[in-house]
């Protein structure tokens, strides 16, 4: 499993409850996903703020360390770069091999200004390429 965390500048804005940032909500959702995994399941983490960074690539099975790392992520002072985050994801999935199935969660509130909407996202899969499933939260 891969977690793509939108830690761009806009992620520091308060969420609908007015008490926590949208990034804090994304992080808690990510922690819940990691907690739901079986021991031995691997998790990769990609931070999507420019420059996008593969924080844990290749994935790790140390869930406790992943959770600590997730809770340490702060909003960046730059916008989100989803195309670059997806390129890192695609490279990591390709490196794992075509026999391994990957699920990636994009955790973002998709706030206006968090990513350039005039840019197309990179192609992630073809009809023959079914080793990656991308899910998004908003």
Foldseek 3Di string as FASTA:
>chain_A
DEEEQALEPQQQDCDPVRPHGLSVVLLVVVLVVLVPDDQPDWYWYWYFFVVIDGPQPPTDRPSVVVNVVSVPRHRDHGAGHQQNSLVVVLVRLVVVPQVAAEEYEYEDPPDPPRYDPVDDRDDRDDPVRHRYHYHYDD
